[in-house]
């Protein structure tokens, strides 16, 4: 996601610097630049890149695209990029990063958002996505200069939308991700394969409903029908896409199960709500268990792999 947005901004003439902890990625970006393919059209830009300790600062704007569990260490590794006037933009998934950002930066300079843009990395420096994507954003506590951030991000060519209460959008994206990411992680299916299987698609719908019930208990007016519509669109338009959580499972990396699923289960318990399917999915993702067709169909779960 960082290479998608940073590459498009750089191709549009913005001064973009990438920060990554992987020396190989830094070397590739600094040497070869970034190429973004949107609907078969290539956008290439030369960029600068560095390890965190070598980054210069402060920056005018910082776009955060780390996994939720990497956010704290990432910010601690390069404090020099965060100045008093730096706009900090998070388009990250889940819930866990919100409290950390407020605690570390306050609210005045933080802009939160979600995006529908998929990003498939072919290799470092080459990512594929689609132009038909949008970003919805708003101030964490209604203070930040969202208009300035929208102006910069509009250079990506994506539809950039400002909303008065971004937390509705965050929870709707959370319900979307919980349904697709967690289910794909235990079934091993692509987005299109899940949509083509009535049993799995029904499971995704039930997960979405569980998350929506928790959002409403939190006082967030989520539009459940809009989430189901977005999932049906994903089945249709991004059928070959592997979710980020499935990719993490296949590559043996840690997943965002806690920020996308575990945090919701904990809030459900606080509200005395039941989220049995979401809780089971979280348990199995943590344990590295996969489901057979029967368990996806709602019958007795059977572990068919590890």
Protein backbone atom coordinates (compact mmCIF):
# COMPACT_ATOMS: atom_id res chain seq x y z
CA UNK A 1 0.00 0.00 0.00
CA UNK A 2 2.86 2.36 0.77
CA UNK A 3 4.45 1.74 -2.61
CA UNK A 4 1.07 2.14 -4.31
CA UNK A 5 0.31 5.54 -2.82
CA UNK A 6 3.90 6.76 -2.66
CA UNK A 7 4.56 5.67 -6.24
CA UNK A 8 1.51 7.49 -7.59
CA UNK A 9 2.32 10.65 -5.62
CA UNK A 10 5.92 10.58 -6.88
CA UNK A 11 4.74 10.01 -10.46
CA UNK A 12 2.53 13.09 -10.05
CA UNK A 13 5.57 15.19 -9.11
CA UNK A 14 5.39 15.10 -5.31
CA UNK A 15 8.62 14.82 -3.33
CA UNK A 16 8.27 11.35 -1.82
CA UNK A 17 10.70 9.56 0.48
CA UNK A 18 10.16 5.91 1.45
CA UNK A 19 11.16 4.51 4.84
CA UNK A 20 11.47 0.75 5.27
CA UNK A 21 13.25 -1.56 7.70
CA UNK A 22 14.24 -4.00 4.96
CA UNK A 23 17.62 -3.02 3.42
CA UNK A 24 16.87 -4.90 0.20
CA UNK A 25 13.61 -3.02 -0.32
CA UNK A 26 15.33 0.29 0.39
CA UNK A 27 18.06 -0.49 -2.14
CA UNK A 28 15.58 -1.55 -4.82
CA UNK A 29 13.42 1.56 -4.39
CA UNK A 30 16.39 3.93 -4.31
CA UNK A 31 18.01 2.30 -7.36
CA UNK A 32 15.04 1.45 -9.56
CA UNK A 33 12.21 3.64 -8.32
CA UNK A 34 8.58 2.53 -8.10
CA UNK A 35 6.29 1.31 -10.86
CA UNK A 36 2.55 1.21 -10.28
CA UNK A 37 0.34 -0.55 -12.82
CA UNK A 38 -3.25 0.70 -12.74
CA UNK A 39 -5.59 -1.22 -15.02
CA UNK A 40 -2.65 -2.11 -17.32
CA UNK A 41 -1.30 1.47 -17.47
CA UNK A 42 2.17 1.97 -15.95
CA UNK A 43 3.19 4.90 -13.75
CA UNK A 44 6.90 5.04 -12.90
CA UNK A 45 8.85 7.43 -10.70
CA UNK A 46 12.33 7.70 -9.27
CA UNK A 47 12.26 8.07 -5.48
CA UNK A 48 14.53 8.28 -2.49
CA UNK A 49 14.42 5.66 0.24
CA UNK A 50 16.20 4.91 3.50
CA UNK A 51 16.21 2.89 6.66
CA UNK A 52 14.40 4.67 9.54
CA UNK A 53 17.53 5.93 11.26
CA UNK A 54 18.74 7.63 8.07
CA UNK A 55 15.52 9.47 7.24
CA UNK A 56 15.60 13.26 7.28
CA UNK A 57 12.90 15.31 8.94
CA UNK A 58 10.61 16.74 9.85
CA UNK A 59 8.29 15.88 6.95
CA UNK A 60 5.37 17.96 5.75
CA UNK A 61 3.22 14.83 5.67
CA UNK A 62 3.71 11.25 6.82
CA UNK A 63 1.60 8.45 5.34
CA UNK A 64 1.50 5.41 7.62
CA UNK A 65 1.13 2.02 5.96
CA UNK A 66 2.65 -0.35 8.50
CA UNK A 67 0.83 -3.34 9.91
CA UNK A 68 -0.95 -2.31 13.11
CA UNK A 69 1.48 -4.22 15.36
CA UNK A 70 4.46 -2.53 13.68
CA UNK A 71 3.19 1.03 14.14
CA UNK A 72 4.67 1.75 17.58
CA UNK A 73 8.17 0.45 16.76
CA UNK A 74 8.09 2.21 13.39
CA UNK A 75 7.30 5.60 14.93
CA UNK A 76 9.92 5.12 17.63
CA UNK A 77 12.54 4.24 15.00
CA UNK A 78 12.31 7.59 13.20
CA UNK A 79 10.98 10.29 15.57
CA UNK A 80 12.83 12.93 13.55
CA UNK A 81 10.22 12.85 10.76
CA UNK A 82 7.39 13.99 13.05
CA UNK A 83 7.39 17.76 13.56
CA UNK A 84 4.93 20.10 15.23
CA UNK A 85 3.36 20.90 11.84
CA UNK A 86 3.61 17.44 10.28
CA UNK A 87 0.29 16.08 9.04
CA UNK A 88 0.10 12.37 9.91
CA UNK A 89 -2.22 10.29 7.75
CA UNK A 90 -3.20 6.72 8.61
CA UNK A 91 -5.07 4.55 6.14
CA UNK A 92 -4.37 1.44 8.22
CA UNK A 93 -6.79 -1.36 8.90
CA UNK A 94 -8.34 -2.31 12.22
CA UNK A 95 -8.69 -0.59 15.57
CA UNK A 96 -5.42 -0.91 17.45
CA UNK A 97 -3.59 2.05 15.92
CA UNK A 98 -6.08 4.76 16.91
CA UNK A 99 -5.24 4.89 20.60
CA UNK A 100 -1.51 4.76 19.89
CA UNK A 101 -1.68 7.70 17.49
CA UNK A 102 -3.71 9.78 19.92
CA UNK A 103 -1.32 8.97 22.76
CA UNK A 104 1.82 9.64 20.72
CA UNK A 105 0.77 12.61 18.60
CA UNK A 106 -2.38 14.06 20.05
CA UNK A 107 -5.28 14.61 17.69
CA UNK A 108 -4.67 17.97 16.03
CA UNK A 109 -2.37 16.65 13.30
CA UNK A 110 -3.82 13.16 12.74
CA UNK A 111 -6.05 12.36 9.77
CA UNK A 112 -7.66 8.92 9.63
CA UNK A 113 -9.04 7.18 6.61
CA UNK A 114 -9.78 3.97 4.77
CA UNK A 115 -9.31 3.02 1.16
CA UNK A 116 -10.91 0.57 -1.23
CA UNK A 117 -7.69 0.35 -3.27
CA UNK A 118 -6.30 -3.18 -3.55
CA UNK A 119 -2.53 -3.49 -3.85
CA UNK A 120 -0.80 -6.59 -5.15
CA UNK A 121 2.98 -6.54 -4.92
CA UNK A 122 4.61 -8.39 -7.80
CA UNK A 123 8.00 -7.60 -6.27
CA UNK A 124 9.48 -4.65 -4.36
CA UNK A 125 9.13 -1.62 -6.59
CA UNK A 126 6.30 -3.07 -8.72
CA UNK A 127 2.67 -3.07 -7.57
CA UNK A 128 -0.64 -3.57 -9.36
CA UNK A 129 -3.96 -1.92 -8.49
CA UNK A 130 -7.03 -0.37 -10.10
CA UNK A 131 -7.92 3.24 -10.83
CA UNK A 132 -11.50 2.67 -9.62
CA UNK A 133 -10.56 3.19 -5.96
CA UNK A 134 -11.43 5.73 -3.33
CA UNK A 135 -10.16 7.08 -0.04
CA UNK A 136 -12.54 8.25 2.70
CA UNK A 137 -10.95 10.38 5.40
CA UNK A 138 -11.62 12.70 8.30
CA UNK A 139 -9.93 14.23 11.32
CA UNK A 140 -9.42 11.99 14.34
CA UNK A 141 -11.20 14.48 16.58
CA UNK A 142 -12.50 17.00 14.09
CA UNK A 143 -9.49 19.32 14.26
CA UNK A 144 -6.96 18.46 11.55
CA UNK A 145 -6.72 20.26 8.20
CA UNK A 146 -8.28 17.50 6.13
CA UNK A 147 -8.64 19.76 3.09
CA UNK A 148 -4.85 20.10 2.73
CA UNK A 149 -4.39 16.33 2.99
CA UNK A 150 -7.15 15.70 0.45
CA UNK A 151 -5.46 18.12 -1.94
CA UNK A 152 -2.18 16.23 -1.77
CA UNK A 153 -3.70 12.75 -2.05
CA UNK A 154 -5.84 13.79 -5.01
CA UNK A 155 -2.61 13.59 -7.02
CA UNK A 156 -2.96 9.79 -6.87
CA UNK A 157 -5.96 10.03 -9.15
CA UNK A 158 -8.12 8.18 -6.66
CA UNK A 159 -11.44 9.58 -5.51
CA UNK A 160 -10.63 11.35 -2.21
CA UNK A 161 -13.69 11.98 -0.02
CA UNK A 162 -13.87 13.88 3.27
CA UNK A 163 -16.50 12.89 5.83
CA UNK A 164 -17.56 14.47 9.15
CA UNK A 165 -17.33 11.20 11.11
CA UNK A 166 -14.58 8.96 9.75
CA UNK A 167 -15.18 6.35 12.46
CA UNK A 168 -18.25 5.13 10.56
CA UNK A 169 -16.04 4.45 7.55
CA UNK A 170 -13.38 2.81 9.72
CA UNK A 171 -15.90 0.40 11.23
CA UNK A 172 -17.46 -0.36 7.84
CA UNK A 173 -14.01 -1.19 6.44
CA UNK A 174 -13.34 -3.22 9.60
CA UNK A 175 -16.49 -5.29 9.02
CA UNK A 176 -15.46 -5.73 5.37
CA UNK A 177 -11.94 -6.86 6.35
CA UNK A 178 -13.10 -9.13 9.15
CA UNK A 179 -15.43 -10.91 6.78
CA UNK A 180 -12.98 -11.34 3.90
CA UNK A 181 -9.53 -11.38 5.52
CA UNK A 182 -10.22 -13.76 8.39
CA UNK A 183 -12.32 -16.11 6.28
CA UNK A 184 -9.75 -16.23 3.50
CA UNK A 185 -6.99 -16.91 6.01
CA UNK A 186 -8.65 -20.11 7.25
CA UNK A 187 -10.10 -21.29 3.93
CA UNK A 188 -7.15 -20.40 1.69
CA UNK A 189 -9.55 -18.95 -0.90
CA UNK A 190 -9.17 -15.89 -3.09
CA UNK A 191 -11.84 -13.20 -2.94
CA UNK A 192 -13.61 -14.56 -6.01
CA UNK A 193 -13.46 -18.14 -4.78
CA UNK A 194 -15.14 -17.13 -1.54
CA UNK A 195 -17.90 -15.36 -3.43
CA UNK A 196 -18.46 -18.35 -5.69
CA UNK A 197 -18.99 -20.70 -2.72
CA UNK A 198 -22.44 -20.13 -1.21
CA UNK A 199 -21.43 -21.61 2.14
CA UNK A 200 -18.34 -19.43 2.49
CA UNK A 201 -20.18 -16.33 1.26
CA UNK A 202 -22.84 -16.97 3.91
CA UNK A 203 -20.13 -17.25 6.55
CA UNK A 204 -18.68 -13.91 5.45
CA UNK A 205 -22.12 -12.31 5.75
CA UNK A 206 -22.52 -13.59 9.31
CA UNK A 207 -19.11 -12.25 10.32
CA UNK A 208 -20.05 -8.84 8.94
CA UNK A 209 -23.28 -8.88 10.95
CA UNK A 210 -21.38 -9.71 14.15
CA UNK A 211 -18.98 -6.81 13.64
CA UNK A 212 -21.81 -4.41 12.80
CA UNK A 213 -23.59 -5.34 16.04
CA UNK A 214 -20.48 -4.40 18.01
CA UNK A 215 -20.07 -1.13 16.10
CA UNK A 216 -23.63 -0.12 16.90
CA UNK A 217 -23.10 -1.02 20.56
CA UNK A 218 -20.14 1.39 20.42
CA UNK A 219 -22.48 4.09 19.14
CA UNK A 220 -21.19 4.03 15.56
CA UNK A 221 -23.93 4.14 12.93
CA UNK A 222 -22.62 1.59 10.46
CA UNK A 223 -24.60 0.91 7.29
CA UNK A 224 -24.60 -2.90 7.14
CA UNK A 225 -26.15 -3.01 3.68
CA UNK A 226 -23.31 -0.85 2.34
CA UNK A 227 -20.75 -3.32 3.70
CA UNK A 228 -22.49 -6.26 2.05
CA UNK A 229 -22.65 -4.29 -1.21
CA UNK A 230 -18.89 -3.60 -0.99
CA UNK A 231 -18.18 -7.29 -0.45
CA UNK A 232 -20.29 -8.27 -3.45
CA UNK A 233 -18.38 -5.72 -5.52
CA UNK A 234 -15.10 -7.23 -4.32
CA UNK A 235 -16.27 -10.69 -5.37
CA UNK A 236 -17.07 -9.31 -8.82
CA UNK A 237 -14.19 -6.88 -9.41
CA UNK A 238 -11.26 -8.36 -7.46
CA UNK A 239 -11.87 -12.08 -7.80
CA UNK A 240 -8.22 -13.09 -8.22
CA UNK A 241 -7.06 -10.98 -5.28
CA UNK A 242 -5.59 -12.73 -2.26
CA UNK A 243 -6.34 -10.79 0.92
CA UNK A 244 -3.40 -9.39 2.86
CA UNK A 245 -4.08 -11.78 5.74
CA UNK A 246 -4.07 -14.80 3.44
CA UNK A 247 -0.78 -13.60 1.95
CA UNK A 248 0.66 -13.25 5.46
CA UNK A 249 -0.45 -16.79 6.33
CA UNK A 250 0.99 -18.25 3.13
CA UNK A 251 4.29 -16.41 3.60
CA UNK A 252 4.58 -17.31 7.28
CA UNK A 253 4.32 -13.72 8.55
CA UNK A 254 2.40 -12.43 11.59
CA UNK A 255 -1.15 -11.38 10.78
CA UNK A 256 -3.34 -8.47 11.87
CA UNK A 257 -5.81 -10.85 13.48
CA UNK A 258 -5.83 -8.87 16.74
CA UNK A 259 -6.56 -5.46 15.25
CA UNK A 260 -9.09 -6.74 12.70
CA UNK A 261 -10.78 -9.47 14.75
CA UNK A 262 -9.49 -9.79 18.29
CA UNK A 263 -10.19 -6.19 19.23
CA UNK A 264 -13.81 -6.57 18.08
CA UNK A 265 -14.27 -9.75 20.10
CA UNK A 266 -12.99 -7.97 23.21
CA UNK A 267 -15.39 -5.07 22.70
CA UNK A 268 -18.23 -7.54 22.17
CA UNK A 269 -17.51 -9.12 25.54
CA UNK A 270 -17.56 -5.70 27.18
CA UNK A 271 -21.03 -5.14 25.71
CA UNK A 272 -22.15 -8.70 26.55
CA UNK A 273 -22.60 -9.51 22.87
CA UNK A 274 -21.86 -12.87 21.26
CA UNK A 275 -19.59 -13.08 18.23
CA UNK A 276 -19.10 -16.86 17.95
CA UNK A 277 -18.01 -17.03 14.33
CA UNK A 278 -15.59 -14.12 14.57
CA UNK A 279 -14.14 -15.53 17.80
CA UNK A 280 -13.63 -18.94 16.21
CA UNK A 281 -11.99 -17.43 13.14
CA UNK A 282 -9.60 -15.47 15.36
CA UNK A 283 -8.70 -18.58 17.34
CA UNK A 284 -7.97 -20.57 14.20
CA UNK A 285 -5.93 -17.82 12.53
CA UNK A 286 -3.83 -17.51 15.68
CA UNK A 287 -3.31 -21.28 15.76
CA UNK A 288 -2.61 -21.55 12.04
CA UNK A 289 -5.54 -23.90 11.51
CA UNK A 290 -7.37 -24.18 8.20
CA UNK A 291 -10.94 -25.26 7.56
CA UNK A 292 -12.36 -27.98 5.39
CA UNK A 293 -15.38 -27.32 3.18
CA UNK A 294 -17.69 -28.77 5.85
CA UNK A 295 -16.53 -26.33 8.52
CA UNK A 296 -16.92 -23.42 6.12
CA UNK A 297 -20.43 -24.64 5.50
CA UNK A 298 -21.28 -24.17 9.14
CA UNK A 299 -21.06 -27.82 10.19
CA UNK A 300 -18.72 -29.17 12.82
CA UNK A 301 -15.32 -27.58 12.17
CA UNK A 302 -12.65 -30.02 11.09
CA UNK A 303 -9.00 -29.08 10.99
CA UNK A 304 -7.54 -30.14 7.66
CA UNK A 305 -4.12 -28.55 7.92
CA UNK A 306 -1.77 -26.47 10.02
